Structures are given as structure tokens and as C-alpha cells.
PDB file of N, CA and C in Angstrom:
ATOM      1  N   MET A   1     -10.184  23.039 -15.285  1.00  0.00           N
ATOM      2  CA  MET A   1     -11.607  22.808 -15.095  1.00  0.00           C
ATOM      3  C   MET A   1     -12.121  21.769 -16.094  1.00  0.00           C
ATOM      4  N   LYS A   2     -11.534  21.794 -17.289  1.00  0.00           N
ATOM      5  CA  LYS A   2     -11.988  20.855 -18.306  1.00  0.00           C
ATOM      6  C   LYS A   2     -11.729  19.415 -17.863  1.00  0.00           C
ATOM      7  N   THR A   3     -10.609  19.187 -17.200  1.00  0.00           N
ATOM      8  CA  THR A   3     -10.281  17.845 -16.720  1.00  0.00           C
ATOM      9  C   THR A   3     -11.282  17.381 -15.666  1.00  0.00           C
ATOM     10  N   VAL A   4     -11.662  18.287 -14.780  1.00  0.00           N
ATOM     11  CA  VAL A   4     -12.639  17.942 -13.733  1.00  0.00           C
ATOM     12  C   VAL A   4     -13.987  17.605 -14.355  1.00  0.00           C
ATOM     13  N   LEU A   5     -14.402  18.388 -15.339  1.00  0.00           N
ATOM     14  CA  LEU A   5     -15.680  18.122 -15.997  1.00  0.00           C
ATOM     15  C   LEU A   5     -15.656  16.795 -16.745  1.00  0.00           C
ATOM     16  N   MET A   6     -14.537  16.490 -17.381  1.00  0.00           N
ATOM     17  CA  MET A   6     -14.443  15.218 -18.105  1.00  0.00           C
ATOM     18  C   MET A   6     -14.509  14.031 -17.141  1.00  0.00           C
ATOM     19  N   TRP A   7     -13.813  14.131 -15.997  1.00  0.00           N
ATOM     20  CA  TRP A   7     -13.870  13.036 -15.025  1.00  0.00           C
ATOM     21  C   TRP A   7     -15.257  12.916 -14.403  1.00  0.00           C
ATOM     22  N   ALA A   8     -15.921  14.049 -14.179  1.00  0.00           N
ATOM     23  CA  ALA A   8     -17.293  14.009 -13.655  1.00  0.00           C
ATOM     24  C   ALA A   8     -18.224  13.358 -14.669  1.00  0.00           C
ATOM     25  N   ALA A   9     -18.036  13.674 -15.942  1.00  0.00           N
ATOM     26  CA  ALA A   9     -18.865  13.078 -16.990  1.00  0.00           C
ATOM     27  C   ALA A   9     -18.643  11.571 -17.055  1.00  0.00           C
ATOM     28  N   ARG A  10     -17.392  11.150 -16.991  1.00  0.00           N
ATOM     29  CA  ARG A  10     -17.104   9.713 -17.040  1.00  0.00           C
ATOM     30  C   ARG A  10     -17.688   8.977 -15.836  1.00  0.00           C
ATOM     31  N   ALA A  11     -17.515   9.553 -14.654  1.00  0.00           N
ATOM     32  CA  ALA A  11     -18.019   8.902 -13.440  1.00  0.00           C
ATOM     33  C   ALA A  11     -19.539   8.810 -13.459  1.00  0.00           C
ATOM     34  N   ALA A  12     -20.210   9.885 -13.837  1.00  0.00           N
ATOM     35  CA  ALA A  12     -21.674   9.874 -13.885  1.00  0.00           C
ATOM     36  C   ALA A  12     -22.175   8.920 -14.961  1.00  0.00           C
ATOM     37  N   GLY A  13     -21.467   8.848 -16.075  1.00  0.00           N
ATOM     38  CA  GLY A  13     -21.860   7.920 -17.140  1.00  0.00           C
ATOM     39  C   GLY A  13     -21.738   6.470 -16.714  1.00  0.00           C
ATOM     40  N   VAL A  14     -20.650   6.132 -16.059  1.00  0.00           N
ATOM     41  CA  VAL A  14     -20.459   4.750 -15.586  1.00  0.00           C
ATOM     42  C   VAL A  14     -21.497   4.413 -14.525  1.00  0.00           C
ATOM     43  N   LEU A  15     -21.756   5.337 -13.619  1.00  0.00           N
ATOM     44  CA  LEU A  15     -22.768   5.113 -12.586  1.00  0.00           C
ATOM     45  C   LEU A  15     -24.153   4.942 -13.204  1.00  0.00           C
ATOM     46  N   GLY A  16     -24.466   5.753 -14.202  1.00  0.00           N
ATOM     47  CA  GLY A  16     -25.770   5.654 -14.861  1.00  0.00           C
ATOM     48  C   GLY A  16     -25.957   4.348 -15.600  1.00  0.00           C
ATOM     49  N   VAL A  17     -24.917   3.916 -16.309  1.00  0.00           N
ATOM     50  CA  VAL A  17     -25.016   2.651 -17.044  1.00  0.00           C
ATOM     51  C   VAL A  17     -25.118   1.483 -16.074  1.00  0.00           C
ATOM     52  N   ALA A  18     -24.357   1.524 -14.992  1.00  0.00           N
ATOM     53  CA  ALA A  18     -24.420   0.441 -14.004  1.00  0.00           C
ATOM     54  C   ALA A  18     -25.806   0.355 -13.361  1.00  0.00           C
ATOM     55  N   ALA A  19     -26.374   1.495 -12.997  1.00  0.00           N
ATOM     56  CA  ALA A  19     -27.705   1.496 -12.398  1.00  0.00           C
ATOM     57  C   ALA A  19     -28.755   1.022 -13.398  1.00  0.00           C
ATOM     58  N   MET A  20     -28.581   1.384 -14.672  1.00  0.00           N
ATOM     59  CA  MET A  20     -29.528   0.944 -15.688  1.00  0.00           C
ATOM     60  C   MET A  20     -29.475  -0.567 -15.863  1.00  0.00           C
ATOM     61  N   LEU A  21     -28.264  -1.124 -15.874  1.00  0.00           N
ATOM     62  CA  LEU A  21     -28.134  -2.572 -16.025  1.00  0.00           C
ATOM     63  C   LEU A  21     -28.715  -3.317 -14.823  1.00  0.00           C
ATOM     64  N   ILE A  22     -28.528  -2.774 -13.641  1.00  0.00           N
ATOM     65  CA  ILE A  22     -29.097  -3.390 -12.440  1.00  0.00           C
ATOM     66  C   ILE A  22     -30.624  -3.357 -12.494  1.00  0.00           C
ATOM     67  N   ALA A  23     -31.185  -2.209 -12.872  1.00  0.00           N
ATOM     68  CA  ALA A  23     -32.645  -2.092 -12.968  1.00  0.00           C
ATOM     69  C   ALA A  23     -33.197  -3.014 -14.051  1.00  0.00           C
ATOM     70  N   PHE A  24     -32.506  -3.077 -15.181  1.00  0.00           N
ATOM     71  CA  PHE A  24     -32.950  -3.917 -16.287  1.00  0.00           C
ATOM     72  C   PHE A  24     -32.911  -5.397 -15.901  1.00  0.00           C
ATOM     73  N   ALA A  25     -31.829  -5.820 -15.293  1.00  0.00           N
ATOM     74  CA  ALA A  25     -31.691  -7.228 -14.922  1.00  0.00           C
ATOM     75  C   ALA A  25     -32.688  -7.625 -13.833  1.00  0.00           C
ATOM     76  N   SER A  26     -32.895  -6.746 -12.864  1.00  0.00           N
ATOM     77  CA  SER A  26     -33.842  -7.092 -11.802  1.00  0.00           C
ATOM     78  C   SER A  26     -35.276  -7.120 -12.328  1.00  0.00           C
ATOM     79  N   ARG A  27     -35.587  -6.255 -13.269  1.00  0.00           N
ATOM     80  CA  ARG A  27     -36.948  -6.273 -13.839  1.00  0.00           C
ATOM     81  C   ARG A  27     -37.163  -7.511 -14.695  1.00  0.00           C
ATOM     82  N   LEU A  28     -36.120  -7.921 -15.425  1.00  0.00           N
ATOM     83  CA  LEU A  28     -36.236  -9.165 -16.191  1.00  0.00           C
ATOM     84  C   LEU A  28     -36.404 -10.369 -15.277  1.00  0.00           C
ATOM     85  N   GLY A  29     -35.835 -10.268 -14.091  1.00  0.00           N
ATOM     86  CA  GLY A  29     -35.975 -11.341 -13.111  1.00  0.00           C
ATOM     87  C   GLY A  29     -37.307 -11.348 -12.396  1.00  0.00           C
ATOM     88  N   GLY A  30     -38.163 -10.388 -12.690  1.00  0.00           N
ATOM     89  CA  GLY A  30     -39.505 -10.367 -12.106  1.00  0.00           C
ATOM     90  C   GLY A  30     -39.596  -9.580 -10.817  1.00  0.00           C
ATOM     91  N   MET A  31     -38.548  -8.858 -10.457  1.00  0.00           N
ATOM     92  CA  MET A  31     -38.568  -8.081  -9.212  1.00  0.00           C
ATOM     93  C   MET A  31     -39.164  -6.702  -9.476  1.00  0.00           C
ATOM     94  N   HIS A  32     -39.998  -6.245  -8.567  1.00  0.00           N
ATOM     95  CA  HIS A  32     -40.550  -4.898  -8.660  1.00  0.00           C
ATOM     96  C   HIS A  32     -39.868  -3.961  -7.685  1.00  0.00           C
ATOM     97  N   TRP A  33     -39.227  -4.532  -6.677  1.00  0.00           N
ATOM     98  CA  TRP A  33     -38.555  -3.744  -5.649  1.00  0.00           C
ATOM     99  C   TRP A  33     -37.091  -4.144  -5.590  1.00  0.00           C
ATOM    100  N   LEU A  34     -36.235  -3.169  -5.376  1.00  0.00           N
ATOM    101  CA  LEU A  34     -34.807  -3.394  -5.212  1.00  0.00           C
ATOM    102  C   LEU A  34     -34.425  -2.742  -3.885  1.00  0.00           C
ATOM    103  N   GLY A  35     -34.419  -3.535  -2.848  1.00  0.00           N
ATOM    104  CA  GLY A  35     -34.223  -2.970  -1.515  1.00  0.00           C
ATOM    105  C   GLY A  35     -35.461  -2.177  -1.128  1.00  0.00           C
ATOM    106  N   ALA A  36     -35.271  -0.900  -0.835  1.00  0.00           N
ATOM    107  CA  ALA A  36     -36.394  -0.053  -0.446  1.00  0.00           C
ATOM    108  C   ALA A  36     -36.916   0.781  -1.611  1.00  0.00           C
ATOM    109  N   PHE A  37     -36.360   0.584  -2.811  1.00  0.00           N
ATOM    110  CA  PHE A  37     -36.728   1.385  -3.966  1.00  0.00           C
ATOM    111  C   PHE A  37     -37.422   0.545  -5.020  1.00  0.00           C
ATOM    112  N   GLN A  38     -38.376   1.148  -5.714  1.00  0.00           N
ATOM    113  CA  GLN A  38     -38.974   0.480  -6.856  1.00  0.00           C
ATOM    114  C   GLN A  38     -37.967   0.479  -8.001  1.00  0.00           C
ATOM    115  N   VAL A  39     -38.057  -0.510  -8.864  1.00  0.00           N
ATOM    116  CA  VAL A  39     -37.118  -0.634  -9.971  1.00  0.00           C
ATOM    117  C   VAL A  39     -37.228   0.571 -10.907  1.00  0.00           C
ATOM    118  N   GLY A  40     -38.413   1.110 -11.075  1.00  0.00           N
ATOM    119  CA  GLY A  40     -38.591   2.293 -11.911  1.00  0.00           C
ATOM    120  C   GLY A  40     -37.853   3.506 -11.357  1.00  0.00           C
ATOM    121  N   THR A  41     -37.767   3.608 -10.049  1.00  0.00           N
ATOM    122  CA  THR A  41     -37.025   4.696  -9.430  1.00  0.00           C
ATOM    123  C   THR A  41     -35.541   4.564  -9.710  1.00  0.00           C
ATOM    124  N   VAL A  42     -35.027   3.341  -9.659  1.00  0.00           N
ATOM    125  CA  VAL A  42     -33.617   3.101  -9.980  1.00  0.00           C
ATOM    126  C   VAL A  42     -33.349   3.435 -11.444  1.00  0.00           C
ATOM    127  N   LEU A  43     -34.283   3.092 -12.311  1.00  0.00           N
ATOM    128  CA  LEU A  43     -34.132   3.411 -13.725  1.00  0.00           C
ATOM    129  C   LEU A  43     -34.135   4.922 -13.953  1.00  0.00           C
ATOM    130  N   GLN A  44     -34.993   5.641 -13.250  1.00  0.00           N
ATOM    131  CA  GLN A  44     -35.012   7.106 -13.376  1.00  0.00           C
ATOM    132  C   GLN A  44     -33.726   7.716 -12.843  1.00  0.00           C
ATOM    133  N   ALA A  45     -33.180   7.156 -11.778  1.00  0.00           N
ATOM    134  CA  ALA A  45     -31.904   7.647 -11.254  1.00  0.00           C
ATOM    135  C   ALA A  45     -30.781   7.412 -12.255  1.00  0.00           C
ATOM    136  N   SER A  46     -30.833   6.285 -12.964  1.00  0.00           N
ATOM    137  CA  SER A  46     -29.806   6.020 -13.973  1.00  0.00           C
ATOM    138  C   SER A  46     -29.921   6.997 -15.137  1.00  0.00           C
ATOM    139  N   MET A  47     -31.145   7.333 -15.519  1.00  0.00           N
ATOM    140  CA  MET A  47     -31.319   8.318 -16.592  1.00  0.00           C
ATOM    141  C   MET A  47     -30.830   9.695 -16.160  1.00  0.00           C
ATOM    142  N   ALA A  48     -31.063  10.046 -14.902  1.00  0.00           N
ATOM    143  CA  ALA A  48     -30.581  11.334 -14.393  1.00  0.00           C
ATOM    144  C   ALA A  48     -29.054  11.370 -14.365  1.00  0.00           C
ATOM    145  N   ALA A  49     -28.428  10.261 -13.996  1.00  0.00           N
ATOM    146  CA  ALA A  49     -26.970  10.216 -13.977  1.00  0.00           C
ATOM    147  C   ALA A  49     -26.390  10.341 -15.385  1.00  0.00           C
ATOM    148  N   MET A  50     -27.032   9.696 -16.355  1.00  0.00           N
ATOM    149  CA  MET A  50     -26.548   9.818 -17.733  1.00  0.00           C
ATOM    150  C   MET A  50     -26.782  11.222 -18.288  1.00  0.00           C
ATOM    151  N   LEU A  51     -27.860  11.876 -17.885  1.00  0.00           N
ATOM    152  CA  LEU A  51     -28.083  13.257 -18.283  1.00  0.00           C
ATOM    153  C   LEU A  51     -27.010  14.162 -17.688  1.00  0.00           C
ATOM    154  N   LEU A  52     -26.661  13.940 -16.435  1.00  0.00           N
ATOM    155  CA  LEU A  52     -25.586  14.697 -15.805  1.00  0.00           C
ATOM    156  C   LEU A  52     -24.272  14.484 -16.543  1.00  0.00           C
ATOM    157  N   ALA A  53     -24.025  13.252 -16.979  1.00  0.00           N
ATOM    158  CA  ALA A  53     -22.805  12.963 -17.736  1.00  0.00           C
ATOM    159  C   ALA A  53     -22.800  13.729 -19.054  1.00  0.00           C
ATOM    160  N   CYS A  54     -23.923  13.763 -19.736  1.00  0.00           N
ATOM    161  CA  CYS A  54     -24.008  14.491 -21.003  1.00  0.00           C
ATOM    162  C   CYS A  54     -23.798  15.983 -20.794  1.00  0.00           C
ATOM    163  N   LEU A  55     -24.395  16.542 -19.756  1.00  0.00           N
ATOM    164  CA  LEU A  55     -24.243  17.974 -19.505  1.00  0.00           C
ATOM    165  C   LEU A  55     -22.819  18.327 -19.100  1.00  0.00           C
ATOM    166  N   ALA A  56     -22.173  17.482 -18.305  1.00  0.00           N
ATOM    167  CA  ALA A  56     -20.786  17.743 -17.921  1.00  0.00           C
ATOM    168  C   ALA A  56     -19.869  17.655 -19.134  1.00  0.00           C
ATOM    169  N   TYR A  57     -20.127  16.698 -20.007  1.00  0.00           N
ATOM    170  CA  TYR A  57     -19.323  16.578 -21.222  1.00  0.00           C
ATOM    171  C   TYR A  57     -19.540  17.791 -22.133  1.00  0.00           C
ATOM    172  N   LEU A  58     -20.767  18.240 -22.245  1.00  0.00           N
ATOM    173  CA  LEU A  58     -21.070  19.419 -23.047  1.00  0.00           C
ATOM    174  C   LEU A  58     -20.388  20.663 -22.473  1.00  0.00           C
ATOM    175  N   ALA A  59     -20.394  20.789 -21.169  1.00  0.00           N
ATOM    176  CA  ALA A  59     -19.739  21.937 -20.535  1.00  0.00           C
ATOM    177  C   ALA A  59     -18.227  21.880 -20.761  1.00  0.00           C
ATOM    178  N   ALA A  60     -17.656  20.679 -20.758  1.00  0.00           N
ATOM    179  CA  ALA A  60     -16.222  20.551 -21.036  1.00  0.00           C
ATOM    180  C   ALA A  60     -15.907  20.923 -22.481  1.00  0.00           C
ATOM    181  N   LEU A  61     -16.793  20.567 -23.400  1.00  0.00           N
ATOM    182  CA  LEU A  61     -16.576  20.916 -24.801  1.00  0.00           C
ATOM    183  C   LEU A  61     -16.756  22.409 -25.063  1.00  0.00           C
ATOM    184  N   ALA A  62     -17.666  23.028 -24.332  1.00  0.00           N
ATOM    185  CA  ALA A  62     -17.970  24.436 -24.557  1.00  0.00           C
ATOM    186  C   ALA A  62     -16.986  25.364 -23.861  1.00  0.00           C
ATOM    187  N   GLU A  63     -16.146  24.837 -22.991  1.00  0.00           N
ATOM    188  CA  GLU A  63     -15.187  25.686 -22.281  1.00  0.00           C
ATOM    189  C   GLU A  63     -14.166  26.237 -23.275  1.00  0.00           C
ATOM    190  N   PRO A  64     -13.950  27.543 -23.227  1.00  0.00           N
ATOM    191  CA  PRO A  64     -13.029  28.137 -24.219  1.00  0.00           C
ATOM    192  C   PRO A  64     -11.583  27.676 -23.983  1.00  0.00           C
ATOM    193  N   PRO A  65     -10.814  27.529 -25.041  1.00  0.00           N
ATOM    194  CA  PRO A  65      -9.410  27.125 -24.879  1.00  0.00           C
ATOM    195  C   PRO A  65      -8.593  28.258 -24.268  1.00  0.00           C
ATOM    196  N   ARG A  66      -7.524  27.857 -23.595  1.00  0.00           N
ATOM    197  CA  ARG A  66      -6.670  28.875 -22.958  1.00  0.00           C
ATOM    198  C   ARG A  66      -5.595  29.329 -23.871  1.00  0.00           C
TER     199      ARG A  66
END
């Protein structure tokens, strides 16, 4: 289970950072919309993904050793 949690944490972290960079770059470019979503919504989704990564990593650390 610890391996699954670690991979989930890594995947969510990479997804969150990628979404944050996309939102940041598009906002610097003067865009308010990214497809059908506002840039702020994409930024909030990136923060949620990074929070999920932190919680999955914490759960992997808190899992008792066998």
C-alpha cells in the first residue's frame, strides 16, 4: 500500500505543478480564460492536486512498518 500511496503522491504532485505552470504562464500572457475554464480555476485545481499529493505522502509516511 505504501508503494501505491507514494506513486499517487508523485503523480498528483507532477500534475499539480504542471497545472500551476500552465496557469501562471497563461496569466502572464494576459489570458483570463484557458479553453472553457478561467485561469483562477486552473490554479485552484493545481493547488488541490498538490494538497492531494501532500496527503498521500503523509499517509505513506504514517503507515506502520510490517
